Amino acid sequence: MLARIRPYLPTITLLGLIVYFVFHGLTGELGWLLSNQRRAEQTQLHEKLKLTRQERMDLEARARLLRDGSLSRDLLEERARSVLGFADPRDYVIRLQP
């Protein structure tokens, strides 16, 4: 029986390899079927990056206002009240551009 199958062994092996690679190309971690999921995750990460950049810009602006050369009295008072425990959660802080 092995003698009858022997001429077909290279073909069977090649077919098995093709099936293996096609299967993993479709369903693997970086496969074609998961490309939509990767795109959605990429979009979500871009949104998170935008929010993080905005938060960083806000923190940099606040830090700039607390430097010696351009100390903002209102921001200093807000931070002092927060640190000392005198801040009320119902307080409203309105920032104006200098």
Foldseek 3Di string as FASTA:
>chain_A
DCVVCVVCVVVVVVVVVVVVVVVCLQPNPVHPVCVVVVVVVVVVVVVVVVVVVVVVVVVVVLVVCCDPVRPDPVSVVVVVCVVVVNDDPPDDDDDDDD
